Amino acid sequence: QSQLVESGGGSVQPGGSLRLSCAASGFTLDYYFIGWFRQAPGKEREGVLCISGSDGVTFYQDSVKGRFTVSRDNAKNTVYLQMNSLKPEDTGVYFCALSLPIKTVQSMCETVQVGYWGQGTQVTVSS
């Protein structure tokens, strides 16, 4: 059964850091665009960062540039989202997702058109 499983969420104070994991099973990440999305209460889901599994081209939402980075462990078939200098406005449920590489990683993030979703993990940034 193919699935994406996120972990690593939690509560952190402003300025803190978290690392989210997305473990993929049944997927070969090289063949997909991989995205991290978030949804705050009462708001639409938005793309945070999207990366091409084949060549590493990455799109960052403006609000996370310089603070969030993505990495990958091929042996574990896992993608990580490192979040530094967290702000209260980063609060939300974070989802990883995959889409076929039809358009661009920017398009994936901006249109939120994906083929597969994980179940999400809660991130709360509060003092």
PDB file of N, CA and C in Angstrom:
ATOM      1  N   GLN A   1       0.847  -1.193   0.000  1.00  0.00           N
ATOM      2  CA  GLN A   1       0.000   0.000   0.000  1.00  0.00           C
ATOM      3  C   GLN A   1       0.879   1.238   0.000  1.00  0.00           C
ATOM      4  N   SER A   2       0.651   2.109  -0.958  1.00  0.00           N
ATOM      5  CA  SER A   2       1.435   3.331  -1.043  1.00  0.00           C
ATOM      6  C   SER A   2       0.922   4.352  -0.049  1.00  0.00           C
ATOM      7  N   GLN A   3       1.846   4.975   0.662  1.00  0.00           N
ATOM      8  CA  GLN A   3       1.422   5.994   1.614  1.00  0.00           C
ATOM      9  C   GLN A   3       2.550   6.943   1.963  1.00  0.00           C
ATOM     10  N   LEU A   4       2.148   8.095   2.476  1.00  0.00           N
ATOM     11  CA  LEU A   4       3.058   9.105   2.986  1.00  0.00           C
ATOM     12  C   LEU A   4       2.718   9.311   4.457  1.00  0.00           C
ATOM     13  N   VAL A   5       3.728   9.268   5.303  1.00  0.00           N
ATOM     14  CA  VAL A   5       3.482   9.413   6.733  1.00  0.00           C
ATOM     15  C   VAL A   5       4.378  10.522   7.272  1.00  0.00           C
ATOM     16  N   GLU A   6       3.744  11.584   7.767  1.00  0.00           N
ATOM     17  CA  GLU A   6       4.491  12.692   8.354  1.00  0.00           C
ATOM     18  C   GLU A   6       4.676  12.465   9.851  1.00  0.00           C
ATOM     19  N   SER A   7       5.741  13.037  10.366  1.00  0.00           N
ATOM     20  CA  SER A   7       5.984  13.028  11.801  1.00  0.00           C
ATOM     21  C   SER A   7       6.881  14.216  12.143  1.00  0.00           C
ATOM     22  N   GLY A   8       7.017  14.477  13.435  1.00  0.00           N
ATOM     23  CA  GLY A   8       7.924  15.518  13.887  1.00  0.00           C
ATOM     24  C   GLY A   8       7.277  16.816  14.303  1.00  0.00           C
ATOM     25  N   GLY A   9       5.972  16.893  14.175  1.00  0.00           N
ATOM     26  CA  GLY A   9       5.301  18.105  14.600  1.00  0.00           C
ATOM     27  C   GLY A   9       5.318  18.249  16.116  1.00  0.00           C
ATOM     28  N   GLY A  10       4.897  19.416  16.566  1.00  0.00           N
ATOM     29  CA  GLY A  10       4.852  19.658  17.995  1.00  0.00           C
ATOM     30  C   GLY A  10       4.665  21.128  18.282  1.00  0.00           C
ATOM     31  N   SER A  11       4.891  21.475  19.536  1.00  0.00           N
ATOM     32  CA  SER A  11       4.771  22.865  19.966  1.00  0.00           C
ATOM     33  C   SER A  11       6.151  23.438  20.234  1.00  0.00           C
ATOM     34  N   VAL A  12       6.348  24.663  19.805  1.00  0.00           N
ATOM     35  CA  VAL A  12       7.655  25.303  19.962  1.00  0.00           C
ATOM     36  C   VAL A  12       7.445  26.794  20.159  1.00  0.00           C
ATOM     37  N   GLN A  13       8.365  27.420  20.835  1.00  0.00           N
ATOM     38  CA  GLN A  13       8.292  28.863  21.037  1.00  0.00           C
ATOM     39  C   GLN A  13       8.782  29.597  19.783  1.00  0.00           C
ATOM     40  N   PRO A  14       8.352  30.831  19.616  1.00  0.00           N
ATOM     41  CA  PRO A  14       8.855  31.619  18.485  1.00  0.00           C
ATOM     42  C   PRO A  14      10.374  31.665  18.494  1.00  0.00           C
ATOM     43  N   GLY A  15      10.951  31.530  17.314  1.00  0.00           N
ATOM     44  CA  GLY A  15      12.399  31.475  17.194  1.00  0.00           C
ATOM     45  C   GLY A  15      12.972  30.080  17.253  1.00  0.00           C
ATOM     46  N   GLY A  16      12.143  29.114  17.618  1.00  0.00           N
ATOM     47  CA  GLY A  16      12.605  27.740  17.728  1.00  0.00           C
ATOM     48  C   GLY A  16      12.638  27.014  16.399  1.00  0.00           C
ATOM     49  N   SER A  17      12.976  25.738  16.475  1.00  0.00           N
ATOM     50  CA  SER A  17      13.118  24.918  15.269  1.00  0.00           C
ATOM     51  C   SER A  17      12.390  23.595  15.428  1.00  0.00           C
ATOM     52  N   LEU A  18      11.982  23.061  14.304  1.00  0.00           N
ATOM     53  CA  LEU A  18      11.417  21.721  14.229  1.00  0.00           C
ATOM     54  C   LEU A  18      11.871  21.078  12.924  1.00  0.00           C
ATOM     55  N   ARG A  19      11.963  19.776  12.938  1.00  0.00           N
ATOM     56  CA  ARG A  19      12.216  19.056  11.696  1.00  0.00           C
ATOM     57  C   ARG A  19      11.094  18.047  11.473  1.00  0.00           C
ATOM     58  N   LEU A  20      10.411  18.212  10.366  1.00  0.00           N
ATOM     59  CA  LEU A  20       9.346  17.289   9.994  1.00  0.00           C
ATOM     60  C   LEU A  20       9.890  16.223   9.058  1.00  0.00           C
ATOM     61  N   SER A  21       9.333  15.038   9.176  1.00  0.00           N
ATOM     62  CA  SER A  21       9.716  13.929   8.306  1.00  0.00           C
ATOM     63  C   SER A  21       8.516  13.474   7.492  1.00  0.00           C
ATOM     64  N   CYS A  22       8.798  13.040   6.294  1.00  0.00           N
ATOM     65  CA  CYS A  22       7.772  12.453   5.438  1.00  0.00           C
ATOM     66  C   CYS A  22       8.334  11.146   4.897  1.00  0.00           C
ATOM     67  N   ALA A  23       7.855  10.043   5.450  1.00  0.00           N
ATOM     68  CA  ALA A  23       8.314   8.725   5.017  1.00  0.00           C
ATOM     69  C   ALA A  23       7.394   8.218   3.921  1.00  0.00           C
ATOM     70  N   ALA A  24       7.979   7.927   2.786  1.00  0.00           N
ATOM     71  CA  ALA A  24       7.205   7.462   1.634  1.00  0.00           C
ATOM     72  C   ALA A  24       7.397   5.962   1.456  1.00  0.00           C
ATOM     73  N   SER A  25       6.294   5.269   1.303  1.00  0.00           N
ATOM     74  CA  SER A  25       6.358   3.843   0.996  1.00  0.00           C
ATOM     75  C   SER A  25       5.518   3.570  -0.252  1.00  0.00           C
ATOM     76  N   GLY A  26       6.057   2.732  -1.115  1.00  0.00           N
ATOM     77  CA  GLY A  26       5.342   2.438  -2.349  1.00  0.00           C
ATOM     78  C   GLY A  26       5.550   3.471  -3.438  1.00  0.00           C
ATOM     79  N   PHE A  27       6.414   4.436  -3.191  1.00  0.00           N
ATOM     80  CA  PHE A  27       6.713   5.478  -4.168  1.00  0.00           C
ATOM     81  C   PHE A  27       8.210   5.541  -4.417  1.00  0.00           C
ATOM     82  N   THR A  28       8.604   5.822  -5.628  1.00  0.00           N
ATOM     83  CA  THR A  28       9.990   6.127  -5.945  1.00  0.00           C
ATOM     84  C   THR A  28      10.087   7.639  -6.100  1.00  0.00           C
ATOM     85  N   LEU A  29      10.675   8.277  -5.106  1.00  0.00           N
ATOM     86  CA  LEU A  29      10.623   9.741  -5.041  1.00  0.00           C
ATOM     87  C   LEU A  29      11.272  10.412  -6.241  1.00  0.00           C
ATOM     88  N   ASP A  30      12.210   9.740  -6.883  1.00  0.00           N
ATOM     89  CA  ASP A  30      12.856  10.329  -8.064  1.00  0.00           C
ATOM     90  C   ASP A  30      11.848  10.666  -9.156  1.00  0.00           C
ATOM     91  N   TYR A  31      10.707  10.017  -9.139  1.00  0.00           N
ATOM     92  CA  TYR A  31       9.738  10.170 -10.221  1.00  0.00           C
ATOM     93  C   TYR A  31       8.638  11.181  -9.918  1.00  0.00           C
ATOM     94  N   TYR A  32       8.786  11.902  -8.816  1.00  0.00           N
ATOM     95  CA  TYR A  32       7.714  12.802  -8.398  1.00  0.00           C
ATOM     96  C   TYR A  32       8.244  14.188  -8.035  1.00  0.00           C
ATOM     97  N   PHE A  33       7.330  15.132  -8.011  1.00  0.00           N
ATOM     98  CA  PHE A  33       7.537  16.373  -7.269  1.00  0.00           C
ATOM     99  C   PHE A  33       7.060  16.102  -5.842  1.00  0.00           C
ATOM    100  N   ILE A  34       7.820  16.628  -4.897  1.00  0.00           N
ATOM    101  CA  ILE A  34       7.501  16.438  -3.491  1.00  0.00           C
ATOM    102  C   ILE A  34       7.212  17.809  -2.897  1.00  0.00           C
ATOM    103  N   GLY A  35       6.095  17.914  -2.203  1.00  0.00           N
ATOM    104  CA  GLY A  35       5.735  19.207  -1.655  1.00  0.00           C
ATOM    105  C   GLY A  35       5.411  19.152  -0.176  1.00  0.00           C
ATOM    106  N   TRP A  36       5.678  20.249   0.481  1.00  0.00           N
ATOM    107  CA  TRP A  36       5.220  20.470   1.857  1.00  0.00           C
ATOM    108  C   TRP A  36       4.185  21.589   1.823  1.00  0.00           C
ATOM    109  N   PHE A  37       3.045  21.314   2.428  1.00  0.00           N
ATOM    110  CA  PHE A  37       1.941  22.258   2.470  1.00  0.00           C
ATOM    111  C   PHE A  37       1.519  22.446   3.912  1.00  0.00           C
ATOM    112  N   ARG A  38       0.817  23.528   4.171  1.00  0.00           N
ATOM    113  CA  ARG A  38       0.305  23.737   5.518  1.00  0.00           C
ATOM    114  C   ARG A  38      -1.079  24.364   5.442  1.00  0.00           C
ATOM    115  N   GLN A  39      -1.818  24.127   6.507  1.00  0.00           N
ATOM    116  CA  GLN A  39      -3.157  24.700   6.595  1.00  0.00           C
ATOM    117  C   GLN A  39      -3.379  25.218   8.002  1.00  0.00           C
ATOM    118  N   ALA A  40      -3.556  26.515   8.088  1.00  0.00           N
ATOM    119  CA  ALA A  40      -3.845  27.153   9.369  1.00  0.00           C
ATOM    120  C   ALA A  40      -5.355  27.130   9.596  1.00  0.00           C
ATOM    121  N   PRO A  41      -5.777  27.219  10.850  1.00  0.00           N
ATOM    122  CA  PRO A  41      -7.218  27.221  11.136  1.00  0.00           C
ATOM    123  C   PRO A  41      -7.947  28.307  10.365  1.00  0.00           C
ATOM    124  N   GLY A  42      -9.000  27.936   9.679  1.00  0.00           N
ATOM    125  CA  GLY A  42      -9.806  28.901   8.955  1.00  0.00           C
ATOM    126  C   GLY A  42      -9.214  29.397   7.658  1.00  0.00           C
ATOM    127  N   LYS A  43      -8.095  28.813   7.257  1.00  0.00           N
ATOM    128  CA  LYS A  43      -7.436  29.255   6.023  1.00  0.00           C
ATOM    129  C   LYS A  43      -7.306  28.101   5.045  1.00  0.00           C
ATOM    130  N   GLU A  44      -7.055  28.459   3.804  1.00  0.00           N
ATOM    131  CA  GLU A  44      -6.860  27.438   2.790  1.00  0.00           C
ATOM    132  C   GLU A  44      -5.470  26.824   2.911  1.00  0.00           C
ATOM    133  N   ARG A  45      -5.366  25.615   2.419  1.00  0.00           N
ATOM    134  CA  ARG A  45      -4.071  24.946   2.380  1.00  0.00           C
ATOM    135  C   ARG A  45      -3.164  25.681   1.397  1.00  0.00           C
ATOM    136  N   GLU A  46      -1.904  25.856   1.800  1.00  0.00           N
ATOM    137  CA  GLU A  46      -0.967  26.572   0.954  1.00  0.00           C
ATOM    138  C   GLU A  46       0.342  25.812   0.823  1.00  0.00           C
ATOM    139  N   GLY A  47       0.993  26.018  -0.308  1.00  0.00           N
ATOM    140  CA  GLY A  47       2.278  25.388  -0.537  1.00  0.00           C
ATOM    141  C   GLY A  47       3.389  26.140   0.173  1.00  0.00           C
ATOM    142  N   VAL A  48       4.221  25.413   0.873  1.00  0.00           N
ATOM    143  CA  VAL A  48       5.346  25.985   1.609  1.00  0.00           C
ATOM    144  C   VAL A  48       6.635  25.836   0.811  1.00  0.00           C
ATOM    145  N   LEU A  49       6.847  24.647   0.303  1.00  0.00           N
ATOM    146  CA  LEU A  49       8.098  24.324  -0.375  1.00  0.00           C
ATOM    147  C   LEU A  49       7.820  23.121  -1.248  1.00  0.00           C
ATOM    148  N   CYS A  50       8.278  23.174  -2.478  1.00  0.00           N
ATOM    149  CA  CYS A  50       8.104  22.049  -3.391  1.00  0.00           C
ATOM    150  C   CYS A  50       9.420  21.775  -4.101  1.00  0.00           C
ATOM    151  N   ILE A  51       9.751  20.499  -4.242  1.00  0.00           N
ATOM    152  CA  ILE A  51      11.045  20.119  -4.799  1.00  0.00           C
ATOM    153  C   ILE A  51      10.875  19.001  -5.812  1.00  0.00           C
ATOM    154  N   SER A  52      11.670  19.052  -6.836  1.00  0.00           N
ATOM    155  CA  SER A  52      11.672  17.985  -7.829  1.00  0.00           C
ATOM    156  C   SER A  52      12.496  16.810  -7.307  1.00  0.00           C
ATOM    157  N   GLY A  53      11.909  15.629  -7.330  1.00  0.00           N
ATOM    158  CA  GLY A  53      12.624  14.451  -6.867  1.00  0.00           C
ATOM    159  C   GLY A  53      13.751  14.033  -7.785  1.00  0.00           C
ATOM    160  N   SER A  54      13.701  14.475  -9.025  1.00  0.00           N
ATOM    161  CA  SER A  54      14.727  14.045  -9.980  1.00  0.00           C
ATOM    162  C   SER A  54      15.939  14.959 -10.005  1.00  0.00           C
ATOM    163  N   ASP A  55      15.712  16.284  -9.959  1.00  0.00           N
ATOM    164  CA  ASP A  55      16.860  17.187 -10.108  1.00  0.00           C
ATOM    165  C   ASP A  55      17.017  18.185  -8.961  1.00  0.00           C
ATOM    166  N   GLY A  56      16.142  18.125  -7.967  1.00  0.00           N
ATOM    167  CA  GLY A  56      16.303  18.967  -6.789  1.00  0.00           C
ATOM    168  C   GLY A  56      15.895  20.416  -6.955  1.00  0.00           C
ATOM    169  N   VAL A  57      15.341  20.778  -8.113  1.00  0.00           N
ATOM    170  CA  VAL A  57      14.860  22.155  -8.256  1.00  0.00           C
ATOM    171  C   VAL A  57      13.800  22.406  -7.188  1.00  0.00           C
ATOM    172  N   THR A  58      13.931  23.530  -6.504  1.00  0.00           N
ATOM    173  CA  THR A  58      13.086  23.796  -5.340  1.00  0.00           C
ATOM    174  C   THR A  58      12.419  25.157  -5.456  1.00  0.00           C
ATOM    175  N   PHE A  59      11.170  25.197  -5.074  1.00  0.00           N
ATOM    176  CA  PHE A  59      10.423  26.442  -4.965  1.00  0.00           C
ATOM    177  C   PHE A  59      10.077  26.671  -3.503  1.00  0.00           C
ATOM    178  N   TYR A  60      10.316  27.886  -3.037  1.00  0.00           N
ATOM    179  CA  TYR A  60      10.004  28.254  -1.655  1.00  0.00           C
ATOM    180  C   TYR A  60       8.936  29.345  -1.659  1.00  0.00           C
ATOM    181  N   GLN A  61       7.972  29.191  -0.794  1.00  0.00           N
ATOM    182  CA  GLN A  61       7.058  30.304  -0.555  1.00  0.00           C
ATOM    183  C   GLN A  61       7.863  31.453   0.053  1.00  0.00           C
ATOM    184  N   ASP A  62       7.544  32.666  -0.340  1.00  0.00           N
ATOM    185  CA  ASP A  62       8.332  33.823   0.108  1.00  0.00           C
ATOM    186  C   ASP A  62       8.464  33.894   1.628  1.00  0.00           C
ATOM    187  N   SER A  63       7.428  33.545   2.333  1.00  0.00           N
ATOM    188  CA  SER A  63       7.436  33.703   3.789  1.00  0.00           C
ATOM    189  C   SER A  63       8.392  32.751   4.496  1.00  0.00           C
ATOM    190  N   VAL A  64       8.868  31.719   3.807  1.00  0.00           N
ATOM    191  CA  VAL A  64       9.747  30.745   4.474  1.00  0.00           C
ATOM    192  C   VAL A  64      11.168  30.773   3.929  1.00  0.00           C
ATOM    193  N   LYS A  65      11.414  31.593   2.931  1.00  0.00           N
ATOM    194  CA  LYS A  65      12.764  31.667   2.353  1.00  0.00           C
ATOM    195  C   LYS A  65      13.774  32.075   3.430  1.00  0.00           C
ATOM    196  N   GLY A  66      14.879  31.359   3.464  1.00  0.00           N
ATOM    197  CA  GLY A  66      15.916  31.632   4.441  1.00  0.00           C
ATOM    198  C   GLY A  66      15.678  30.988   5.798  1.00  0.00           C
ATOM    199  N   ARG A  67      14.503  30.404   5.992  1.00  0.00           N
ATOM    200  CA  ARG A  67      14.193  29.779   7.282  1.00  0.00           C
ATOM    201  C   ARG A  67      13.940  28.272   7.150  1.00  0.00           C
ATOM    202  N   PHE A  68      13.317  27.865   6.066  1.00  0.00           N
ATOM    203  CA  PHE A  68      12.965  26.456   5.868  1.00  0.00           C
ATOM    204  C   PHE A  68      13.869  25.859   4.792  1.00  0.00           C
ATOM    205  N   THR A  69      14.281  24.629   5.011  1.00  0.00           N
ATOM    206  CA  THR A  69      15.045  23.910   3.999  1.00  0.00           C
ATOM    207  C   THR A  69      14.532  22.474   3.893  1.00  0.00           C
ATOM    208  N   VAL A  70      14.842  21.851   2.801  1.00  0.00           N
ATOM    209  CA  VAL A  70      14.396  20.483   2.558  1.00  0.00           C
ATOM    210  C   VAL A  70      15.616  19.598   2.329  1.00  0.00           C
ATOM    211  N   SER A  71      15.539  18.372   2.796  1.00  0.00           N
ATOM    212  CA  SER A  71      16.588  17.394   2.543  1.00  0.00           C
ATOM    213  C   SER A  71      15.936  16.026   2.368  1.00  0.00           C
ATOM    214  N   ARG A  72      16.756  15.082   2.001  1.00  0.00           N
ATOM    215  CA  ARG A  72      16.210  13.765   1.666  1.00  0.00           C
ATOM    216  C   ARG A  72      17.207  12.691   2.048  1.00  0.00           C
ATOM    217  N   ASP A  73      16.667  11.600   2.554  1.00  0.00           N
ATOM    218  CA  ASP A  73      17.465  10.411   2.854  1.00  0.00           C
ATOM    219  C   ASP A  73      16.974   9.318   1.918  1.00  0.00           C
ATOM    220  N   ASN A  74      17.735   9.047   0.878  1.00  0.00           N
ATOM    221  CA  ASN A  74      17.286   8.076  -0.116  1.00  0.00           C
ATOM    222  C   ASN A  74      17.187   6.666   0.460  1.00  0.00           C
ATOM    223  N   ALA A  75      18.087   6.335   1.369  1.00  0.00           N
ATOM    224  CA  ALA A  75      18.060   4.998   1.956  1.00  0.00           C
ATOM    225  C   ALA A  75      16.773   4.756   2.725  1.00  0.00           C
ATOM    226  N   LYS A  76      16.246   5.807   3.327  1.00  0.00           N
ATOM    227  CA  LYS A  76      15.011   5.692   4.104  1.00  0.00           C
ATOM    228  C   LYS A  76      13.786   6.118   3.300  1.00  0.00           C
ATOM    229  N   ASN A  77      14.014   6.576   2.075  1.00  0.00           N
ATOM    230  CA  ASN A  77      12.910   7.077   1.243  1.00  0.00           C
ATOM    231  C   ASN A  77      12.095   8.117   2.006  1.00  0.00           C
ATOM    232  N   THR A  78      12.812   9.013   2.632  1.00  0.00           N
ATOM    233  CA  THR A  78      12.199  10.005   3.518  1.00  0.00           C
ATOM    234  C   THR A  78      12.669  11.405   3.139  1.00  0.00           C
ATOM    235  N   VAL A  79      11.745  12.342   3.206  1.00  0.00           N
ATOM    236  CA  VAL A  79      12.032  13.750   2.952  1.00  0.00           C
ATOM    237  C   VAL A  79      11.828  14.514   4.253  1.00  0.00           C
ATOM    238  N   TYR A  80      12.707  15.467   4.505  1.00  0.00           N
ATOM    239  CA  TYR A  80      12.665  16.237   5.742  1.00  0.00           C
ATOM    240  C   TYR A  80      12.423  17.713   5.441  1.00  0.00           C
ATOM    241  N   LEU A  81      11.685  18.350   6.316  1.00  0.00           N
ATOM    242  CA  LEU A  81      11.502  19.798   6.259  1.00  0.00           C
ATOM    243  C   LEU A  81      12.087  20.377   7.538  1.00  0.00           C
ATOM    244  N   GLN A  82      13.207  21.068   7.418  1.00  0.00           N
ATOM    245  CA  GLN A  82      13.827  21.728   8.553  1.00  0.00           C
ATOM    246  C   GLN A  82      13.280  23.142   8.645  1.00  0.00           C
ATOM    247  N   MET A  83      12.687  23.447   9.774  1.00  0.00           N
ATOM    248  CA  MET A  83      12.070  24.754   9.970  1.00  0.00           C
ATOM    249  C   MET A  83      12.780  25.475  11.109  1.00  0.00           C
ATOM    250  N   ASN A  84      13.402  26.578  10.782  1.00  0.00           N
ATOM    251  CA  ASN A  84      14.127  27.383  11.755  1.00  0.00           C
ATOM    252  C   ASN A  84      13.461  28.749  11.918  1.00  0.00           C
ATOM    253  N   SER A  85      13.820  29.426  12.977  1.00  0.00           N
ATOM    254  CA  SER A  85      13.291  30.773  13.245  1.00  0.00           C
ATOM    255  C   SER A  85      11.772  30.797  13.100  1.00  0.00           C
ATOM    256  N   LEU A  86      11.136  29.853  13.729  1.00  0.00           N
ATOM    257  CA  LEU A  86       9.687  29.715  13.570  1.00  0.00           C
ATOM    258  C   LEU A  86       8.947  30.908  14.142  1.00  0.00           C
ATOM    259  N   LYS A  87       7.834  31.236  13.488  1.00  0.00           N
ATOM    260  CA  LYS A  87       6.997  32.366  13.874  1.00  0.00           C
ATOM    261  C   LYS A  87       5.589  31.865  14.181  1.00  0.00           C
ATOM    262  N   PRO A  88       4.826  32.594  14.945  1.00  0.00           N
ATOM    263  CA  PRO A  88       3.438  32.165  15.219  1.00  0.00           C
ATOM    264  C   PRO A  88       2.635  31.932  13.939  1.00  0.00           C
ATOM    265  N   GLU A  89       2.899  32.686  12.912  1.00  0.00           N
ATOM    266  CA  GLU A  89       2.159  32.511  11.665  1.00  0.00           C
ATOM    267  C   GLU A  89       2.547  31.237  10.906  1.00  0.00           C
ATOM    268  N   ASP A  90       3.538  30.511  11.395  1.00  0.00           N
ATOM    269  CA  ASP A  90       3.866  29.216  10.808  1.00  0.00           C
ATOM    270  C   ASP A  90       2.989  28.096  11.373  1.00  0.00           C
ATOM    271  N   THR A  91       2.169  28.420  12.337  1.00  0.00           N
ATOM    272  CA  THR A  91       1.288  27.437  12.963  1.00  0.00           C
ATOM    273  C   THR A  91       0.314  26.853  11.952  1.00  0.00           C
ATOM    274  N   GLY A  92       0.126  25.544  12.029  1.00  0.00           N
ATOM    275  CA  GLY A  92      -0.831  24.891  11.151  1.00  0.00           C
ATOM    276  C   GLY A  92      -0.564  23.408  11.079  1.00  0.00           C
ATOM    277  N   VAL A  93      -1.389  22.719  10.330  1.00  0.00           N
ATOM    278  CA  VAL A  93      -1.153  21.310  10.037  1.00  0.00           C
ATOM    279  C   VAL A  93      -0.304  21.243   8.779  1.00  0.00           C
ATOM    280  N   TYR A  94       0.780  20.526   8.874  1.00  0.00           N
ATOM    281  CA  TYR A  94       1.710  20.405   7.754  1.00  0.00           C
ATOM    282  C   TYR A  94       1.529  19.046   7.088  1.00  0.00           C
ATOM    283  N   PHE A  95       1.443  19.091   5.781  1.00  0.00           N
ATOM    284  CA  PHE A  95       1.233  17.894   4.987  1.00  0.00           C
ATOM    285  C   PHE A  95       2.365  17.743   3.979  1.00  0.00           C
ATOM    286  N   CYS A  96       2.788  16.519   3.758  1.00  0.00           N
ATOM    287  CA  CYS A  96       3.628  16.292   2.596  1.00  0.00           C
ATOM    288  C   CYS A  96       2.757  15.698   1.490  1.00  0.00           C
ATOM    289  N   ALA A  97       3.210  15.858   0.277  1.00  0.00           N
ATOM    290  CA  ALA A  97       2.409  15.442  -0.869  1.00  0.00           C
ATOM    291  C   ALA A  97       3.308  15.139  -2.056  1.00  0.00           C
ATOM    292  N   LEU A  98       2.790  14.352  -2.953  1.00  0.00           N
ATOM    293  CA  LEU A  98       3.492  14.024  -4.182  1.00  0.00           C
ATOM    294  C   LEU A  98       2.609  14.355  -5.378  1.00  0.00           C
ATOM    295  N   SER A  99       3.257  14.771  -6.437  1.00  0.00           N
ATOM    296  CA  SER A  99       2.535  14.906  -7.696  1.00  0.00           C
ATOM    297  C   SER A  99       3.443  14.450  -8.826  1.00  0.00           C
ATOM    298  N   LEU A 100       2.815  14.049  -9.913  1.00  0.00           N
ATOM    299  CA  LEU A 100       3.603  13.702 -11.086  1.00  0.00           C
ATOM    300  C   LEU A 100       4.235  14.974 -11.640  1.00  0.00           C
ATOM    301  N   PRO A 101       5.445  14.864 -12.176  1.00  0.00           N
ATOM    302  CA  PRO A 101       6.179  16.056 -12.639  1.00  0.00           C
ATOM    303  C   PRO A 101       5.679  16.555 -13.996  1.00  0.00           C
ATOM    304  N   ILE A 102       4.442  17.017 -14.028  1.00  0.00           N
ATOM    305  CA  ILE A 102       3.860  17.444 -15.294  1.00  0.00           C
ATOM    306  C   ILE A 102       4.212  18.888 -15.617  1.00  0.00           C
ATOM    307  N   LYS A 103       4.080  19.762 -14.621  1.00  0.00           N
ATOM    308  CA  LYS A 103       4.378  21.183 -14.859  1.00  0.00           C
ATOM    309  C   LYS A 103       5.668  21.547 -14.130  1.00  0.00           C
ATOM    310  N   THR A 104       5.597  22.467 -13.157  1.00  0.00           N
ATOM    311  CA  THR A 104       6.785  22.900 -12.421  1.00  0.00           C
ATOM    312  C   THR A 104       6.547  22.764 -10.930  1.00  0.00           C
ATOM    313  N   VAL A 105       7.614  22.778 -10.157  1.00  0.00           N
ATOM    314  CA  VAL A 105       7.447  22.715  -8.706  1.00  0.00           C
ATOM    315  C   VAL A 105       6.740  23.963  -8.195  1.00  0.00           C
ATOM    316  N   GLN A 106       6.978  25.091  -8.841  1.00  0.00           N
ATOM    317  CA  GLN A 106       6.269  26.311  -8.451  1.00  0.00           C
ATOM    318  C   GLN A 106       4.778  26.137  -8.672  1.00  0.00           C
ATOM    319  N   SER A 107       4.394  25.541  -9.799  1.00  0.00           N
ATOM    320  CA  SER A 107       2.984  25.312 -10.077  1.00  0.00           C
ATOM    321  C   SER A 107       2.377  24.398  -9.029  1.00  0.00           C
ATOM    322  N   MET A 108       3.103  23.355  -8.655  1.00  0.00           N
ATOM    323  CA  MET A 108       2.595  22.435  -7.630  1.00  0.00           C
ATOM    324  C   MET A 108       2.286  23.190  -6.340  1.00  0.00           C
ATOM    325  N   CYS A 109       3.213  24.012  -5.918  1.00  0.00           N
ATOM    326  CA  CYS A 109       3.035  24.741  -4.669  1.00  0.00           C
ATOM    327  C   CYS A 109       1.911  25.778  -4.770  1.00  0.00           C
ATOM    328  N   GLU A 110       1.839  26.459  -5.894  1.00  0.00           N
ATOM    329  CA  GLU A 110       0.888  27.569  -6.002  1.00  0.00           C
ATOM    330  C   GLU A 110      -0.533  27.098  -6.287  1.00  0.00           C
ATOM    331  N   THR A 111      -0.690  25.991  -6.974  1.00  0.00           N
ATOM    332  CA  THR A 111      -2.031  25.513  -7.295  1.00  0.00           C
ATOM    333  C   THR A 111      -2.544  24.470  -6.309  1.00  0.00           C
ATOM    334  N   VAL A 112      -1.633  23.916  -5.511  1.00  0.00           N
ATOM    335  CA  VAL A 112      -1.983  22.876  -4.537  1.00  0.00           C
ATOM    336  C   VAL A 112      -2.671  21.705  -5.247  1.00  0.00           C
ATOM    337  N   GLN A 113      -2.199  21.419  -6.438  1.00  0.00           N
ATOM    338  CA  GLN A 113      -2.723  20.268  -7.178  1.00  0.00           C
ATOM    339  C   GLN A 113      -1.733  19.127  -7.025  1.00  0.00           C
ATOM    340  N   VAL A 114      -2.123  18.160  -6.227  1.00  0.00           N
ATOM    341  CA  VAL A 114      -1.237  17.037  -5.960  1.00  0.00           C
ATOM    342  C   VAL A 114      -2.018  15.742  -6.115  1.00  0.00           C
ATOM    343  N   GLY A 115      -1.249  14.648  -6.209  1.00  0.00           N
ATOM    344  CA  GLY A 115      -1.904  13.368  -6.392  1.00  0.00           C
ATOM    345  C   GLY A 115      -2.063  12.573  -5.116  1.00  0.00           C
ATOM    346  N   TYR A 116      -1.129  12.778  -4.187  1.00  0.00           N
ATOM    347  CA  TYR A 116      -1.115  11.975  -2.974  1.00  0.00           C
ATOM    348  C   TYR A 116      -0.798  12.861  -1.770  1.00  0.00           C
ATOM    349  N   TRP A 117      -1.566  12.668  -0.725  1.00  0.00           N
ATOM    350  CA  TRP A 117      -1.391  13.427   0.517  1.00  0.00           C
ATOM    351  C   TRP A 117      -1.031  12.513   1.669  1.00  0.00           C
ATOM    352  N   GLY A 118      -0.217  13.041   2.583  1.00  0.00           N
ATOM    353  CA  GLY A 118      -0.046  12.405   3.866  1.00  0.00           C
ATOM    354  C   GLY A 118      -1.167  12.835   4.788  1.00  0.00           C
ATOM    355  N   GLN A 119      -1.122  12.355   6.012  1.00  0.00           N
ATOM    356  CA  GLN A 119      -2.226  12.628   6.953  1.00  0.00           C
ATOM    357  C   GLN A 119      -2.047  13.936   7.707  1.00  0.00           C
ATOM    358  N   GLY A 120      -0.843  14.486   7.672  1.00  0.00           N
ATOM    359  CA  GLY A 120      -0.583  15.766   8.313  1.00  0.00           C
ATOM    360  C   GLY A 120      -0.034  15.632   9.716  1.00  0.00           C
ATOM    361  N   THR A 121       0.688  16.674  10.125  1.00  0.00           N
ATOM    362  CA  THR A 121       1.224  16.744  11.480  1.00  0.00           C
ATOM    363  C   THR A 121       1.109  18.186  11.958  1.00  0.00           C
ATOM    364  N   GLN A 122       0.697  18.362  13.211  1.00  0.00           N
ATOM    365  CA  GLN A 122       0.418  19.689  13.745  1.00  0.00           C
ATOM    366  C   GLN A 122       1.698  20.381  14.199  1.00  0.00           C
ATOM    367  N   VAL A 123       1.828  21.626  13.794  1.00  0.00           N
ATOM    368  CA  VAL A 123       2.915  22.485  14.264  1.00  0.00           C
ATOM    369  C   VAL A 123       2.287  23.708  14.919  1.00  0.00           C
ATOM    370  N   THR A 124       2.669  23.952  16.159  1.00  0.00           N
ATOM    371  CA  THR A 124       2.147  25.103  16.894  1.00  0.00           C
ATOM    372  C   THR A 124       3.313  25.941  17.381  1.00  0.00           C
ATOM    373  N   VAL A 125       3.306  27.205  16.997  1.00  0.00           N
ATOM    374  CA  VAL A 125       4.357  28.135  17.405  1.00  0.00           C
ATOM    375  C   VAL A 125       3.715  29.195  18.291  1.00  0.00           C
ATOM    376  N   SER A 126       4.056  29.144  19.558  1.00  0.00           N
ATOM    377  CA  SER A 126       3.403  30.032  20.506  1.00  0.00           C
ATOM    378  C   SER A 126       4.281  30.224  21.730  1.00  0.00           C
ATOM    379  N   SER A 127       4.194  31.410  22.298  1.00  0.00           N
ATOM    380  CA  SER A 127       4.921  31.663  23.532  1.00  0.00           C
ATOM    381  C   SER A 127       4.054  31.367  24.740  1.00  0.00           C
TER     382      SER A 127
END
